[in-house]
Protein backbone atom coordinates (compact mmCIF):
# COMPACT_ATOMS: atom_id res chain seq x y z
CA UNK A 1 0.36 0.37 -0.11
CA UNK A 2 2.71 2.37 0.75
CA UNK A 3 4.33 2.02 -2.28
CA UNK A 4 0.92 2.43 -4.40
CA UNK A 5 0.50 5.69 -2.66
CA UNK A 6 4.31 6.72 -3.14
CA UNK A 7 3.81 5.73 -6.70
CA UNK A 8 0.64 8.03 -6.85
CA UNK A 9 2.65 10.84 -5.20
CA UNK A 10 5.34 11.00 -8.23
CA UNK A 11 2.66 10.96 -10.82
CA UNK A 12 0.55 13.95 -9.46
CA UNK A 13 3.59 15.64 -9.28
CA UNK A 14 4.87 14.50 -12.34
CA UNK A 15 1.35 15.80 -13.57
CA UNK A 16 1.81 18.94 -11.84
CA UNK A 17 5.16 19.98 -13.20
CA UNK A 18 4.33 18.94 -16.91
CA UNK A 19 1.30 21.27 -16.38
CA UNK A 20 3.73 23.86 -14.78
CA UNK A 21 6.35 23.33 -17.94
CA UNK A 22 3.44 23.66 -20.48
CA UNK A 23 2.23 26.93 -18.85
CA UNK A 24 6.04 28.50 -18.47
CA UNK A 25 6.56 27.56 -23.01
CA UNK A 26 3.17 29.20 -23.65
CA UNK A 27 4.17 32.44 -21.69
CA UNK A 28 1.18 32.27 -19.42
CA UNK A 29 1.14 35.67 -17.00
CA UNK A 30 -2.24 35.33 -16.18
CA UNK A 31 -2.79 33.95 -12.78
CA UNK A 32 -6.66 33.41 -13.37
CA UNK A 33 -6.60 30.93 -15.46
CA UNK A 34 -9.57 28.69 -15.38
CA UNK A 35 -8.99 25.71 -13.10
CA UNK A 36 -11.24 22.77 -14.23
CA UNK A 37 -12.96 20.19 -12.06
CA UNK A 38 -15.02 20.20 -8.50
CA UNK A 39 -14.43 23.11 -6.60
CA UNK A 40 -12.87 25.04 -9.05
CA UNK A 41 -13.08 29.03 -8.31
CA UNK A 42 -16.35 30.69 -10.93
CA UNK A 43 -16.04 33.68 -9.97
CA UNK A 44 -15.90 36.96 -12.39
CA UNK A 45 -12.17 37.02 -11.99
CA UNK A 46 -11.86 33.59 -12.98
CA UNK A 47 -13.50 34.25 -16.18
CA UNK A 48 -17.20 34.04 -14.81
CA UNK A 49 -19.50 35.60 -17.20
CA UNK A 50 -20.87 38.81 -16.39
CA UNK A 51 -24.55 40.48 -17.08
CA UNK A 52 -22.83 42.14 -19.59
CA UNK A 53 -21.22 40.00 -21.18
CA UNK A 54 -24.44 37.93 -21.52
CA UNK A 55 -26.58 40.83 -22.67
CA UNK A 56 -23.76 41.09 -25.57
CA UNK A 57 -24.27 37.10 -26.74
CA UNK A 58 -27.82 36.44 -25.77
CA UNK A 59 -29.10 37.04 -28.99
CA UNK A 60 -26.84 34.09 -30.65
CA UNK A 61 -29.94 31.51 -30.37
CA UNK A 62 -28.41 28.75 -32.95
CA UNK A 63 -24.35 29.21 -32.92
CA UNK A 64 -24.75 26.86 -36.70
CA UNK A 65 -27.47 29.05 -38.17
CA UNK A 66 -25.09 32.53 -36.92
CA UNK A 67 -22.28 31.27 -38.63
CA UNK A 68 -23.77 30.14 -42.21
CA UNK A 69 -25.79 33.18 -42.30
CA UNK A 70 -22.39 34.94 -41.97
CA UNK A 71 -20.48 33.04 -44.56
CA UNK A 72 -23.28 33.78 -46.66
CA UNK A 73 -22.92 37.70 -46.00
CA UNK A 74 -18.86 37.48 -46.32
CA UNK A 75 -19.47 35.48 -49.93
CA UNK A 76 -21.31 37.80 -51.27
CA UNK A 77 -19.31 41.07 -50.82
CA UNK A 78 -16.85 42.68 -53.44
CA UNK A 79 -13.59 43.34 -52.85
CA UNK A 80 -10.41 41.18 -52.29
CA UNK A 81 -11.01 38.20 -49.65
CA UNK A 82 -6.96 38.37 -48.99
CA UNK A 83 -7.89 41.40 -47.28
CA UNK A 84 -6.96 42.00 -43.92
CA UNK A 85 -10.67 42.34 -42.58
CA UNK A 86 -12.01 40.20 -44.93
CA UNK A 87 -9.64 37.59 -44.26
CA UNK A 88 -10.18 38.04 -40.36
CA UNK A 89 -13.96 37.87 -40.40
CA UNK A 90 -13.28 34.54 -42.36
CA UNK A 91 -10.74 33.10 -39.84
CA UNK A 92 -13.10 33.74 -37.04
CA UNK A 93 -15.62 32.15 -39.03
CA UNK A 94 -13.73 29.03 -39.36
CA UNK A 95 -12.33 29.20 -35.40
CA UNK A 96 -16.14 29.39 -34.74
CA UNK A 97 -16.96 26.06 -36.87
CA UNK A 98 -14.08 24.35 -34.83
CA UNK A 99 -15.37 25.22 -31.80
CA UNK A 100 -18.78 24.68 -32.76
CA UNK A 101 -17.69 20.86 -33.70
CA UNK A 102 -15.13 20.56 -30.72
CA UNK A 103 -18.75 20.94 -28.20
CA UNK A 104 -16.60 23.77 -26.42
CA UNK A 105 -19.34 25.43 -24.31
CA UNK A 106 -17.38 28.10 -22.55
CA UNK A 107 -18.23 30.87 -24.54
CA UNK A 108 -15.56 31.39 -26.60
CA UNK A 109 -17.77 30.19 -30.20
CA UNK A 110 -20.03 33.24 -29.29
CA UNK A 111 -17.12 35.74 -29.53
CA UNK A 112 -15.98 34.04 -32.67
CA UNK A 113 -19.19 34.57 -33.98
CA UNK A 114 -19.52 38.25 -32.42
CA UNK A 115 -15.82 39.04 -34.21
CA UNK A 116 -17.19 37.81 -37.42
CA UNK A 117 -20.46 39.91 -37.86
CA UNK A 118 -18.62 42.88 -36.36
CA UNK A 119 -16.24 43.28 -39.19
CA UNK A 120 -18.52 41.45 -41.78
CA UNK A 121 -21.23 44.33 -40.78
CA UNK A 122 -18.41 46.97 -40.96
CA UNK A 123 -17.39 45.58 -44.48
CA UNK A 124 -21.14 45.90 -45.66
CA UNK A 125 -21.81 49.22 -44.32
CA UNK A 126 -18.44 50.64 -45.44
CA UNK A 127 -17.41 51.79 -41.95
CA UNK A 128 -13.87 52.22 -40.44
CA UNK A 129 -12.67 48.84 -38.54
CA UNK A 130 -10.06 48.26 -35.79
CA UNK A 131 -7.05 46.09 -36.00
CA UNK A 132 -6.57 46.00 -32.54
CA UNK A 133 -7.92 42.84 -31.21
CA UNK A 134 -10.47 42.74 -28.39
CA UNK A 135 -9.31 41.68 -24.97
CA UNK A 136 -12.01 38.89 -24.68
CA UNK A 137 -13.21 36.93 -21.75
CA UNK A 138 -12.45 33.64 -22.56
CA UNK A 139 -9.16 34.01 -23.72
CA UNK A 140 -5.74 33.97 -22.04
CA UNK A 141 -2.55 35.87 -23.37
CA UNK A 142 -0.60 33.28 -24.81
CA UNK A 143 3.49 34.05 -26.51
CA UNK A 144 3.91 37.30 -25.95
CA UNK A 145 7.12 36.78 -28.12
CA UNK A 146 4.77 36.42 -31.31
CA UNK A 147 2.00 39.10 -30.60
CA UNK A 148 5.15 41.19 -30.56
CA UNK A 149 5.78 39.75 -34.03
CA UNK A 150 2.41 40.16 -35.04
CA UNK A 151 2.76 43.72 -34.00
CA UNK A 152 5.83 44.39 -36.10
CA UNK A 153 4.14 42.84 -39.18
CA UNK A 154 1.05 44.67 -38.93
CA UNK A 155 2.99 48.21 -38.39
CA UNK A 156 4.98 47.95 -41.54
CA UNK A 157 3.70 49.90 -44.28
CA UNK A 158 4.42 46.48 -46.71
CA UNK A 159 2.33 44.74 -45.24
CA UNK A 160 -0.82 47.78 -45.62
CA UNK A 161 -0.80 47.24 -49.40
CA UNK A 162 0.16 43.84 -49.94
CA UNK A 163 -3.20 41.31 -49.71
CA UNK A 164 -0.86 38.39 -50.18
CA UNK A 165 0.65 39.25 -46.57
CA UNK A 166 -2.44 40.38 -44.60
CA UNK A 167 -4.41 37.22 -45.03
CA UNK A 168 -1.63 34.93 -42.91
CA UNK A 169 -1.53 37.53 -40.94
CA UNK A 170 -5.19 38.21 -39.55
CA UNK A 171 -5.38 34.23 -39.54
CA UNK A 172 -2.13 34.21 -37.51
CA UNK A 173 -3.94 37.03 -34.73
CA UNK A 174 -7.25 34.58 -34.82
CA UNK A 175 -5.49 31.66 -34.31
CA UNK A 176 -3.26 32.67 -31.76
CA UNK A 177 -6.36 34.37 -29.90
CA UNK A 178 -7.70 31.05 -30.39
CA UNK A 179 -4.54 29.06 -28.50
CA UNK A 180 -5.63 31.36 -25.83
CA UNK A 181 -8.64 29.91 -25.31
CA UNK A 182 -7.43 26.73 -24.94
CA UNK A 183 -4.77 27.91 -22.46
CA UNK A 184 -7.66 29.49 -20.39
CA UNK A 185 -9.12 26.25 -20.25
CA UNK A 186 -6.31 24.54 -19.51
CA UNK A 187 -5.81 22.44 -22.46
CA UNK A 188 -2.47 23.49 -22.89
CA UNK A 189 -1.81 20.17 -24.85
CA UNK A 190 -4.12 21.97 -27.45
CA UNK A 191 -2.57 25.74 -27.32
CA UNK A 192 0.76 24.08 -27.78
CA UNK A 193 -0.28 22.04 -30.66
CA UNK A 194 -1.41 25.20 -32.98
CA UNK A 195 1.44 27.07 -32.16
CA UNK A 196 3.88 25.47 -35.21
CA UNK A 197 0.82 26.40 -37.37
CA UNK A 198 0.50 29.80 -36.16
CA UNK A 199 4.75 30.46 -36.54
CA UNK A 200 4.28 29.41 -40.33
CA UNK A 201 1.37 32.08 -40.88
CA UNK A 202 3.82 34.66 -39.66
CA UNK A 203 6.81 33.72 -41.71
CA UNK A 204 4.18 34.03 -44.99
CA UNK A 205 3.06 37.18 -43.73
CA UNK A 206 6.36 38.58 -43.06
CA UNK A 207 7.83 37.17 -46.58
CA UNK A 208 5.24 38.49 -48.43
CA UNK A 209 5.47 41.61 -47.15
CA UNK A 210 9.23 41.46 -47.77
CA UNK A 211 8.01 40.69 -51.73
CA UNK A 212 5.97 43.18 -52.11
CA UNK A 213 8.51 45.62 -53.19
CA UNK A 214 7.19 49.34 -52.43
CA UNK A 215 5.79 51.89 -55.43
CA UNK A 216 8.51 52.61 -57.75
CA UNK A 217 8.94 56.29 -58.38
CA UNK A 218 9.50 56.34 -62.09
CA UNK A 219 11.65 59.61 -62.90
CA UNK A 220 9.51 61.97 -65.24
CA UNK A 221 10.15 61.68 -68.67
CA UNK A 222 10.29 64.51 -71.31
CA UNK A 223 9.10 64.46 -74.48
CA UNK A 224 11.12 64.56 -77.61
CA UNK A 225 9.74 67.29 -78.76
CA UNK A 226 6.95 69.49 -77.44
CA UNK A 227 4.61 72.22 -79.52
CA UNK A 228 3.47 75.88 -78.38
CA UNK A 229 0.99 76.55 -80.59
CA UNK A 230 1.93 80.52 -81.30
CA UNK A 231 -2.12 81.78 -80.73
CA UNK A 232 -1.87 80.36 -77.05
CA UNK A 233 1.75 81.48 -76.45
CA UNK A 234 1.75 84.95 -78.42
CA UNK A 235 -0.48 87.90 -79.28
CA UNK A 236 -1.77 88.65 -83.03
CA UNK A 237 1.34 88.95 -84.95
CA UNK A 238 3.82 89.28 -82.27
CA UNK A 239 7.16 87.33 -81.79
CA UNK A 240 9.06 89.49 -78.73
CA UNK A 241 8.82 88.63 -75.24
CA UNK A 242 6.23 91.85 -74.33
CA UNK A 243 4.05 90.17 -76.34
CA UNK A 244 4.08 86.62 -75.04
CA UNK A 245 1.19 85.41 -73.33
CA UNK A 246 0.50 84.16 -69.96
CA UNK A 247 -0.14 80.84 -71.43
CA UNK A 248 3.32 80.59 -73.06
CA UNK A 249 5.03 81.50 -70.30
CA UNK A 250 3.59 79.16 -68.38
CA UNK A 251 4.01 76.32 -70.53
CA UNK A 252 7.56 77.59 -70.81
CA UNK A 253 8.19 77.49 -66.96
CA UNK A 254 6.65 73.74 -67.17
CA UNK A 255 9.82 73.09 -69.70
CA UNK A 256 12.27 74.44 -67.31
CA UNK A 257 10.96 72.43 -64.53
CA UNK A 258 10.63 69.11 -66.56
CA UNK A 259 14.80 69.88 -67.57
CA UNK A 260 15.59 70.51 -64.02
CA UNK A 261 14.27 66.60 -63.30
CA UNK A 262 15.48 64.74 -66.23
CA UNK A 263 18.83 64.33 -67.66
CA UNK A 264 20.40 63.37 -70.33
CA UNK A 265 19.60 66.37 -72.89
CA UNK A 266 22.88 67.91 -74.39
CA UNK A 267 20.77 70.68 -76.54
CA UNK A 268 17.23 72.17 -77.33
CA UNK A 269 16.34 73.13 -81.27
CA UNK A 270 13.90 75.69 -81.26
CA UNK A 271 11.88 76.19 -84.17
CA UNK A 272 9.14 78.61 -85.11
CA UNK A 273 6.80 78.22 -88.10
CA UNK A 274 3.35 80.03 -89.26
CA UNK A 275 0.90 79.45 -91.13
CA UNK A 276 0.96 80.14 -95.16
CA UNK A 277 -0.72 83.81 -95.01
CA UNK A 278 1.32 86.70 -95.75
CA UNK A 279 4.19 87.28 -97.43
CA UNK A 280 7.77 84.83 -96.84
CA UNK A 281 9.78 87.69 -95.81
CA UNK A 282 6.95 88.37 -92.77
CA UNK A 283 6.18 85.16 -92.38
CA UNK A 284 9.80 84.16 -92.05
CA UNK A 285 11.21 87.50 -89.34
CA UNK A 286 8.27 86.39 -87.81
CA UNK A 287 8.91 82.78 -86.68
CA UNK A 288 12.64 83.47 -86.09
CA UNK A 289 11.69 86.18 -83.68
CA UNK A 290 9.25 83.89 -82.05
CA UNK A 291 12.25 80.77 -81.89
CA UNK A 292 14.38 83.74 -80.32
CA UNK A 293 11.84 85.03 -77.48
CA UNK A 294 11.52 81.54 -76.72
CA UNK A 295 15.43 80.83 -76.50
CA UNK A 296 16.15 83.99 -74.64
CA UNK A 297 13.13 83.33 -72.19
CA UNK A 298 14.50 79.61 -71.27
CA UNK A 299 17.85 81.10 -70.91
CA UNK A 300 16.96 84.07 -68.98
CA UNK A 301 15.45 82.01 -65.94
CA UNK A 302 18.32 79.25 -65.59
CA UNK A 303 18.53 76.76 -68.62
CA UNK A 304 22.23 76.32 -69.53
CA UNK A 305 21.70 73.88 -72.26
CA UNK A 306 22.94 75.28 -75.43
CA UNK A 307 19.95 76.29 -77.33
CA UNK A 308 19.53 76.95 -81.43
CA UNK A 309 16.34 79.33 -82.80
CA UNK A 310 15.81 79.12 -86.07
CA UNK A 311 12.52 80.54 -88.15
CA UNK A 312 10.79 78.32 -90.66
CA UNK A 313 8.07 80.95 -92.12
CA UNK A 314 5.70 78.61 -93.46
CA UNK A 315 7.17 75.54 -94.21
CA UNK A 316 5.84 72.13 -92.57
CA UNK A 317 2.49 72.73 -92.82
CA UNK A 318 0.64 70.52 -90.42
CA UNK A 319 -2.84 71.37 -92.08
CA UNK A 320 -4.29 72.11 -95.61
CA UNK A 321 -7.59 74.68 -95.67
CA UNK A 322 -9.51 75.63 -98.38
CA UNK A 323 -12.71 77.78 -96.67
CA UNK A 324 -13.07 80.89 -98.42
CA UNK A 325 -14.16 83.39 -95.40
CA UNK A 326 -10.35 84.35 -93.74
CA UNK A 327 -11.68 84.38 -90.19
CA UNK A 328 -12.65 80.40 -91.07
CA UNK A 329 -9.40 80.31 -92.88
CA UNK A 330 -7.49 81.90 -90.00
CA UNK A 331 -9.18 79.48 -87.71
CA UNK A 332 -8.60 76.29 -89.50
CA UNK A 333 -4.63 77.28 -90.14
CA UNK A 334 -3.98 77.77 -86.67
CA UNK A 335 -1.98 74.42 -85.75
CA UNK A 336 0.65 75.56 -88.50
CA UNK A 337 1.24 78.45 -86.42
CA UNK A 338 3.35 77.31 -83.81
CA UNK A 339 6.61 76.69 -82.12
CA UNK A 340 8.39 73.48 -81.68
CA UNK A 341 10.98 72.56 -78.78
CA UNK A 342 13.24 69.81 -79.45
CA UNK A 343 15.59 68.06 -77.05
CA UNK A 344 18.42 65.94 -78.06
CA UNK A 345 19.58 63.43 -75.66
CA UNK A 346 23.57 62.68 -75.79
CA UNK A 347 25.07 59.55 -76.99
CA UNK A 348 24.97 56.26 -74.44
């Protein structure tokens, strides 16, 4: 008899050590983790439901029907199903099903349904949702080190633009809370069993976030040639700077801004053109004056590249017109009255 008692005492001692070791491995700091068995504390500190908790979850009369309804509503929502909140709602539904199938009646099933419902409703209504995880009655915090990893991944800007990283992150959070529920009920083996899968999900999320490269800022590229319509750049029959219109100056200011950002040009060629109306001499003089005015405007404002200025007169007409009325003909020929700026690139 004495030997049997000693063996029983040893077995109990080993069991206690195993429980303690499991609790240490899970990093549980909650001293009020629910105790099971006859005489276990059932007060509020030990996790007994409060009136507020009962009032919140009392409307859930059929857990299975609630989960089915939530799944249907979530499936009907538009958008990327890998996005953080869509994925999190789905994971809460999945955890709710697992809890229902396990006949777990500690209240976590109702809490899972509540979380899924809150997120789904927010997605349906387009309201702002918080990524913070709730403090649930039936959950004790496990593996604080993993929660730190969760927060690091969640705060990374790459995660916010990467659905591939958001889905495993959201599910890892829900599964870590689920493991906390197992620990709360002192089912430490189940809590520990879930940890490798949670770690894989976090690793998957972190790797996906790293692979989501930040949006590249493409260097602005200037066109090989831009055209200033003379009618919008100069007053009628004027070619000097005093005759420049505000619209013409604005276009040239944009050219200068572009040259400051784009490298590789070695020269600018400015060519002035007129329409076919008027004498050749007048058109040649006016087109040259406008080209020179554009060149001088750019130089005075900081463009140091070599700039050529030539008058082409009525050469290279872009539009042919045959209107009989002069005002209609002048309007039709407007595209021919222009100043072209060509950007010459250096040899690679």
